[in-house]
C-alpha atoms as a PDB file:
ATOM      1  CA  MET A   1      15.722  31.052  21.734  1.00  0.00           C
ATOM      2  CA  ALA A   2      16.805  31.397  18.104  1.00  0.00           C
ATOM      3  CA  THR A   3      16.186  28.750  15.505  1.00  0.00           C
ATOM      4  CA  ASP A   4      16.616  28.453  11.768  1.00  0.00           C
ATOM      5  CA  TRP A   5      13.732  25.988  11.403  1.00  0.00           C
ATOM      6  CA  SER A   6      10.999  26.916   8.995  1.00  0.00           C
ATOM      7  CA  GLU A   7       7.863  25.215   7.780  1.00  0.00           C
ATOM      8  CA  ARG A   8       7.864  23.683   4.293  1.00  0.00           C
ATOM      9  CA  VAL A   9       4.445  23.657   2.640  1.00  0.00           C
ATOM     10  CA  ASP A  10       4.171  21.421  -0.418  1.00  0.00           C
ATOM     11  CA  PRO A  11       2.431  23.023  -3.408  1.00  0.00           C
ATOM     12  CA  ASP A  12      -0.398  20.459  -3.327  1.00  0.00           C
ATOM     13  CA  GLU A  13      -0.767  20.371   0.483  1.00  0.00           C
ATOM     14  CA  ALA A  14      -4.208  22.028   0.618  1.00  0.00           C
ATOM     15  CA  ARG A  15      -5.617  19.557  -1.922  1.00  0.00           C
ATOM     16  CA  ARG A  16      -4.015  16.550  -0.179  1.00  0.00           C
ATOM     17  CA  PHE A  17      -5.308  17.587   3.259  1.00  0.00           C
ATOM     18  CA  ALA A  18      -8.816  18.138   1.887  1.00  0.00           C
ATOM     19  CA  ASP A  19      -8.591  14.633   0.395  1.00  0.00           C
ATOM     20  CA  TYR A  20      -7.469  13.212   3.782  1.00  0.00           C
ATOM     21  CA  ALA A  21     -10.523  14.786   5.405  1.00  0.00           C
ATOM     22  CA  LEU A  22     -12.810  13.166   2.811  1.00  0.00           C
ATOM     23  CA  GLN A  23     -11.150   9.772   3.262  1.00  0.00           C
ATOM     24  CA  ILE A  24     -11.403   9.910   7.061  1.00  0.00           C
ATOM     25  CA  THR A  25     -15.049  11.011   6.810  1.00  0.00           C
ATOM     26  CA  GLU A  26     -15.761   8.009   4.569  1.00  0.00           C
ATOM     27  CA  LEU A  27     -13.963   5.629   6.954  1.00  0.00           C
ATOM     28  CA  GLN A  28     -15.932   7.081   9.848  1.00  0.00           C
ATOM     29  CA  SER A  29     -19.214   6.661   7.967  1.00  0.00           C
ATOM     30  CA  ARG A  30     -18.392   3.017   7.217  1.00  0.00           C
ATOM     31  CA  ALA A  31     -17.522   2.364  10.861  1.00  0.00           C
ATOM     32  CA  ARG A  32     -20.846   3.868  11.979  1.00  0.00           C
ATOM     33  CA  ARG A  33     -22.808   1.798   9.467  1.00  0.00           C
ATOM     34  CA  GLY A  34     -21.157  -1.307  10.907  1.00  0.00           C
ATOM     35  CA  GLY A  35     -22.138  -0.179  14.400  1.00  0.00           C
ATOM     36  CA  SER A  36     -18.558  -0.514  15.670  1.00  0.00           C
ATOM     37  CA  ALA A  37     -17.672   3.126  16.299  1.00  0.00           C
ATOM     38  CA  ALA A  38     -18.998   6.652  16.380  1.00  0.00           C
ATOM     39  CA  ARG A  39     -15.670   8.163  15.288  1.00  0.00           C
ATOM     40  CA  GLY A  40     -13.248   7.439  12.457  1.00  0.00           C
ATOM     41  CA  LEU A  41     -10.306   7.568  14.834  1.00  0.00           C
ATOM     42  CA  ARG A  42      -9.872   7.316  18.574  1.00  0.00           C
ATOM     43  CA  ALA A  43     -13.216   5.563  19.002  1.00  0.00           C
ATOM     44  CA  ARG A  44     -12.717   4.691  22.651  1.00  0.00           C
ATOM     45  CA  ALA A  45     -12.691   7.617  25.041  1.00  0.00           C
ATOM     46  CA  HIS A  46     -11.375   6.668  28.465  1.00  0.00           C
ATOM     47  CA  VAL A  47     -12.446   9.860  30.167  1.00  0.00           C
ATOM     48  CA  GLY A  48     -13.532  13.393  29.366  1.00  0.00           C
ATOM     49  CA  LEU A  49     -12.684  16.121  31.839  1.00  0.00           C
ATOM     50  CA  VAL A  50     -13.446  19.780  32.377  1.00  0.00           C
ATOM     51  CA  GLY A  51     -10.668  21.762  33.978  1.00  0.00           C
ATOM     52  CA  SER A  52      -8.205  24.535  33.308  1.00  0.00           C
ATOM     53  CA  LEU A  53      -4.690  25.080  32.035  1.00  0.00           C
ATOM     54  CA  THR A  54      -2.638  27.646  33.893  1.00  0.00           C
ATOM     55  CA  VAL A  55       0.257  29.427  32.176  1.00  0.00           C
ATOM     56  CA  HIS A  56       2.634  30.699  34.860  1.00  0.00           C
ATOM     57  CA  SER A  57       5.534  31.962  32.774  1.00  0.00           C
ATOM     58  CA  THR A  58       6.966  31.249  29.348  1.00  0.00           C
ATOM     59  CA  GLU A  59      10.246  31.927  27.561  1.00  0.00           C
ATOM     60  CA  ALA A  60      10.049  35.069  25.433  1.00  0.00           C
ATOM     61  CA  ALA A  61      10.316  33.077  22.162  1.00  0.00           C
ATOM     62  CA  LEU A  62       7.249  31.020  23.145  1.00  0.00           C
ATOM     63  CA  GLN A  63       5.020  33.906  24.247  1.00  0.00           C
ATOM     64  CA  HIS A  64       2.314  33.558  21.602  1.00  0.00           C
ATOM     65  CA  GLY A  65      -1.387  32.735  21.618  1.00  0.00           C
ATOM     66  CA  PRO A  66      -2.479  31.179  24.902  1.00  0.00           C
ATOM     67  CA  PHE A  67       1.115  31.298  26.200  1.00  0.00           C
ATOM     68  CA  ALA A  68       1.562  35.063  25.674  1.00  0.00           C
ATOM     69  CA  ARG A  69       1.257  35.884  29.374  1.00  0.00           C
ATOM     70  CA  PRO A  70       0.405  34.215  32.677  1.00  0.00           C
ATOM     71  CA  GLN A  71      -3.267  33.290  32.547  1.00  0.00           C
ATOM     72  CA  ARG A  72      -5.746  30.495  33.293  1.00  0.00           C
ATOM     73  CA  TRP A  73      -7.706  28.981  30.391  1.00  0.00           C
ATOM     74  CA  PRO A  74     -10.868  26.883  30.772  1.00  0.00           C
ATOM     75  CA  ALA A  75     -10.179  23.497  29.159  1.00  0.00           C
ATOM     76  CA  TYR A  76     -11.846  20.320  27.951  1.00  0.00           C
ATOM     77  CA  ILE A  77      -9.596  17.248  28.131  1.00  0.00           C
ATOM     78  CA  ARG A  78     -10.086  13.828  26.541  1.00  0.00           C
ATOM     79  CA  PHE A  79      -7.979  10.693  26.996  1.00  0.00           C
ATOM     80  CA  SER A  80      -8.555   8.066  24.303  1.00  0.00           C
ATOM     81  CA  SER A  81      -7.183   4.983  22.571  1.00  0.00           C
ATOM     82  CA  GLY A  82      -6.036   5.248  18.968  1.00  0.00           C
ATOM     83  CA  SER A  83      -7.813   2.294  17.440  1.00  0.00           C
ATOM     84  CA  PRO A  84     -10.780   3.026  15.174  1.00  0.00           C
ATOM     85  CA  THR A  85     -12.719   0.372  17.099  1.00  0.00           C
ATOM     86  CA  PRO A  86     -12.849  -0.103  20.889  1.00  0.00           C
ATOM     87  CA  ARG A  87     -10.353  -2.739  22.082  1.00  0.00           C
ATOM     88  CA  PRO A  88      -9.324  -4.158  25.475  1.00  0.00           C
ATOM     89  CA  ASP A  89      -6.701  -2.252  27.488  1.00  0.00           C
ATOM     90  CA  TRP A  90      -4.157  -5.096  27.299  1.00  0.00           C
ATOM     91  CA  ILE A  91      -3.736  -4.661  23.510  1.00  0.00           C
ATOM     92  CA  PRO A  92      -0.989  -2.133  22.699  1.00  0.00           C
ATOM     93  CA  ASP A  93      -2.433   1.025  21.184  1.00  0.00           C
ATOM     94  CA  ILE A  94      -1.495   4.652  20.608  1.00  0.00           C
ATOM     95  CA  CYS A  95      -3.210   6.414  23.502  1.00  0.00           C
ATOM     96  CA  GLY A  96      -3.971  10.070  23.045  1.00  0.00           C
ATOM     97  CA  LEU A  97      -4.636  13.239  24.956  1.00  0.00           C
ATOM     98  CA  ALA A  98      -6.609  16.136  23.458  1.00  0.00           C
ATOM     99  CA  ILE A  99      -6.932  19.529  25.120  1.00  0.00           C
ATOM    100  CA  LYS A 100      -9.297  22.265  23.936  1.00  0.00           C
ATOM    101  CA  LEU A 101      -8.670  25.659  25.514  1.00  0.00           C
ATOM    102  CA  VAL A 102     -11.642  28.046  25.593  1.00  0.00           C
ATOM    103  CA  GLY A 103     -11.575  31.836  25.152  1.00  0.00           C
ATOM    104  CA  VAL A 104      -8.328  32.029  23.160  1.00  0.00           C
ATOM    105  CA  PRO A 105      -8.396  35.099  20.881  1.00  0.00           C
ATOM    106  CA  GLY A 106      -6.481  35.449  17.638  1.00  0.00           C
ATOM    107  CA  ARG A 107      -6.637  34.195  14.070  1.00  0.00           C
ATOM    108  CA  LYS A 108      -6.608  30.389  13.697  1.00  0.00           C
ATOM    109  CA  LEU A 109      -5.192  28.350  10.809  1.00  0.00           C
ATOM    110  CA  LEU A 110      -8.031  25.864  10.240  1.00  0.00           C
ATOM    111  CA  ALA A 111     -10.334  26.795   7.374  1.00  0.00           C
ATOM    112  CA  GLY A 112     -13.718  27.771   8.733  1.00  0.00           C
ATOM    113  CA  GLU A 113     -12.294  28.147  12.245  1.00  0.00           C
ATOM    114  CA  GLU A 114     -10.225  31.307  11.716  1.00  0.00           C
ATOM    115  CA  ASP A 115     -12.210  33.326  14.268  1.00  0.00           C
ATOM    116  CA  ALA A 116     -12.863  30.527  16.772  1.00  0.00           C
ATOM    117  CA  LEU A 117     -12.179  31.372  20.408  1.00  0.00           C
ATOM    118  CA  THR A 118     -10.735  27.919  21.078  1.00  0.00           C
ATOM    119  CA  GLN A 119      -7.299  26.368  20.650  1.00  0.00           C
ATOM    120  CA  ASP A 120      -6.774  22.608  20.306  1.00  0.00           C
ATOM    121  CA  PHE A 121      -3.700  20.587  21.246  1.00  0.00           C
ATOM    122  CA  THR A 122      -3.328  16.861  20.559  1.00  0.00           C
ATOM    123  CA  PHE A 123      -0.762  14.437  21.929  1.00  0.00           C
ATOM    124  CA  ILE A 124       0.082  10.732  21.730  1.00  0.00           C
ATOM    125  CA  GLN A 125       2.122   8.465  24.015  1.00  0.00           C
ATOM    126  CA  THR A 126       5.098   8.159  21.644  1.00  0.00           C
ATOM    127  CA  PRO A 127       7.496  10.853  20.416  1.00  0.00           C
ATOM    128  CA  SER A 128       6.914   9.844  16.774  1.00  0.00           C
ATOM    129  CA  LEU A 129       4.702   7.716  14.566  1.00  0.00           C
ATOM    130  CA  PRO A 130       5.919   4.576  12.769  1.00  0.00           C
ATOM    131  CA  VAL A 131       4.761   6.023   9.418  1.00  0.00           C
ATOM    132  CA  ARG A 132       6.777   8.389   7.244  1.00  0.00           C
ATOM    133  CA  ASP A 133       4.026  10.758   6.163  1.00  0.00           C
ATOM    134  CA  PRO A 134       0.242  11.269   6.167  1.00  0.00           C
ATOM    135  CA  ASP A 135      -0.172   9.362   2.892  1.00  0.00           C
ATOM    136  CA  GLU A 136       1.422   6.247   4.374  1.00  0.00           C
ATOM    137  CA  GLY A 137      -0.481   6.556   7.636  1.00  0.00           C
ATOM    138  CA  LEU A 138      -3.875   7.021   6.011  1.00  0.00           C
ATOM    139  CA  ALA A 139      -3.310   4.139   3.580  1.00  0.00           C
ATOM    140  CA  ILE A 140      -2.525   1.806   6.505  1.00  0.00           C
ATOM    141  CA  LEU A 141      -5.497   3.087   8.507  1.00  0.00           C
ATOM    142  CA  ALA A 142      -7.855   2.590   5.553  1.00  0.00           C
ATOM    143  CA  MET A 143      -6.676  -0.981   4.967  1.00  0.00           C
ATOM    144  CA  ALA A 144      -6.833  -1.780   8.696  1.00  0.00           C
ATOM    145  CA  MET A 145     -10.425  -0.543   8.868  1.00  0.00           C
ATOM    146  CA  ARG A 146     -11.641  -2.057   5.595  1.00  0.00           C
ATOM    147  CA  LYS A 147      -9.844  -5.411   5.502  1.00  0.00           C
ATOM    148  CA  PRO A 148      -7.814  -5.980   8.683  1.00  0.00           C
ATOM    149  CA  TRP A 149      -7.147  -9.630   7.769  1.00  0.00           C
ATOM    150  CA  LEU A 150      -5.257  -8.426   4.651  1.00  0.00           C
ATOM    151  CA  LEU A 151      -3.236  -5.713   6.390  1.00  0.00           C
ATOM    152  CA  LEU A 152       0.057  -7.605   6.753  1.00  0.00           C
ATOM    153  CA  PRO A 153       0.133  -9.091   3.214  1.00  0.00           C
ATOM    154  CA  TRP A 154      -0.885  -5.695   1.805  1.00  0.00           C
ATOM    155  CA  MET A 155       1.894  -3.949   3.763  1.00  0.00           C
ATOM    156  CA  LEU A 156       4.457  -6.478   2.511  1.00  0.00           C
ATOM    157  CA  THR A 157       3.522  -5.897  -1.128  1.00  0.00           C
ATOM    158  CA  THR A 158       3.159  -2.126  -0.691  1.00  0.00           C
ATOM    159  CA  PHE A 159       6.156  -1.277   1.513  1.00  0.00           C
ATOM    160  CA  GLY A 160       8.430  -4.321   1.268  1.00  0.00           C
ATOM    161  CA  LEU A 161       9.640  -6.691   3.969  1.00  0.00           C
ATOM    162  CA  ARG A 162      12.051  -4.415   5.867  1.00  0.00           C
ATOM    163  CA  ARG A 163       9.725  -1.397   6.102  1.00  0.00           C
ATOM    164  CA  SER A 164       6.695  -3.570   6.949  1.00  0.00           C
ATOM    165  CA  LEU A 165       8.590  -5.352   9.721  1.00  0.00           C
ATOM    166  CA  ALA A 166       9.768  -2.027  11.160  1.00  0.00           C
ATOM    167  CA  MET A 167       6.204  -0.665  11.255  1.00  0.00           C
ATOM    168  CA  ALA A 168       4.791  -3.924  12.652  1.00  0.00           C
ATOM    169  CA  LYS A 169       7.471  -3.991  15.353  1.00  0.00           C
ATOM    170  CA  ALA A 170       6.686  -0.381  16.302  1.00  0.00           C
ATOM    171  CA  ALA A 171       2.979  -1.214  16.578  1.00  0.00           C
ATOM    172  CA  LEU A 172       3.475  -4.454  18.510  1.00  0.00           C
ATOM    173  CA  THR A 173       5.956  -2.944  20.969  1.00  0.00           C
ATOM    174  CA  MET A 174       3.786   0.066  21.725  1.00  0.00           C
ATOM    175  CA  PRO A 175       3.784   0.374  25.508  1.00  0.00           C
ATOM    176  CA  VAL A 176       0.590  -0.526  27.310  1.00  0.00           C
ATOM    177  CA  VAL A 177      -0.453   2.532  29.286  1.00  0.00           C
ATOM    178  CA  ARG A 178      -1.291   1.500  32.837  1.00  0.00           C
ATOM    179  CA  SER A 179      -2.334   4.980  34.024  1.00  0.00           C
ATOM    180  CA  LEU A 180      -3.330   7.676  31.548  1.00  0.00           C
ATOM    181  CA  PRO A 181      -2.913  10.601  33.983  1.00  0.00           C
ATOM    182  CA  ALA A 182       0.603   9.390  34.848  1.00  0.00           C
ATOM    183  CA  ALA A 183       1.652   8.704  31.240  1.00  0.00           C
ATOM    184  CA  ARG A 184       3.987  10.926  29.251  1.00  0.00           C
ATOM    185  CA  PHE A 185       2.476  12.386  26.058  1.00  0.00           C
ATOM    186  CA  TYR A 186       4.146  14.002  23.042  1.00  0.00           C
ATOM    187  CA  SER A 187       2.972  16.243  20.230  1.00  0.00           C
ATOM    188  CA  ALA A 188       4.739  13.917  17.699  1.00  0.00           C
ATOM    189  CA  ALA A 189       4.450  16.609  15.024  1.00  0.00           C
ATOM    190  CA  PRO A 190       5.588  20.220  14.856  1.00  0.00           C
ATOM    191  CA  SER A 191       3.112  22.923  15.794  1.00  0.00           C
ATOM    192  CA  ARG A 192       3.107  26.448  14.499  1.00  0.00           C
ATOM    193  CA  LEU A 193       3.502  28.955  17.302  1.00  0.00           C
ATOM    194  CA  GLY A 194       3.480  32.658  16.555  1.00  0.00           C
END
């Protein structure tokens, strides 16, 4: 499987991502102080499971890391809702699935985790997010957590009417997941493999 896709890393990406981590840590700390959540994101876990992921066979171009050969990996699995505060199931939300494989050798990309023997995969219930980039997404998240009653007016002044309506429509028409194990999940962002 040949492709001409390549990753583009912005010159200031490391600094921006470190700043995102600080901002999310601060949001999480504020949420804890208010007693509403123990996590900055995905506060409501629906279920945590222990199981395994079995790789039977993989196309040659995808035979990297945990998919290099047929094998069974111990796994921790978590289904969660996307909201930073727990909400009822009938409110549309971006449900997520996180899988942590255990015993995976090889160099990892996360700073401080380069020699970890785990590999994480995260998924959401939609093929894409309604935001254009991490800056936009984090700004909306921060406003939603700090001053939710000002979110819509803030979006209108920040992004304009058309863009705000498109994002609001995407959020309001998010499908309600009736059964997490039966739902379809997507990576929604490219992953480096190999």
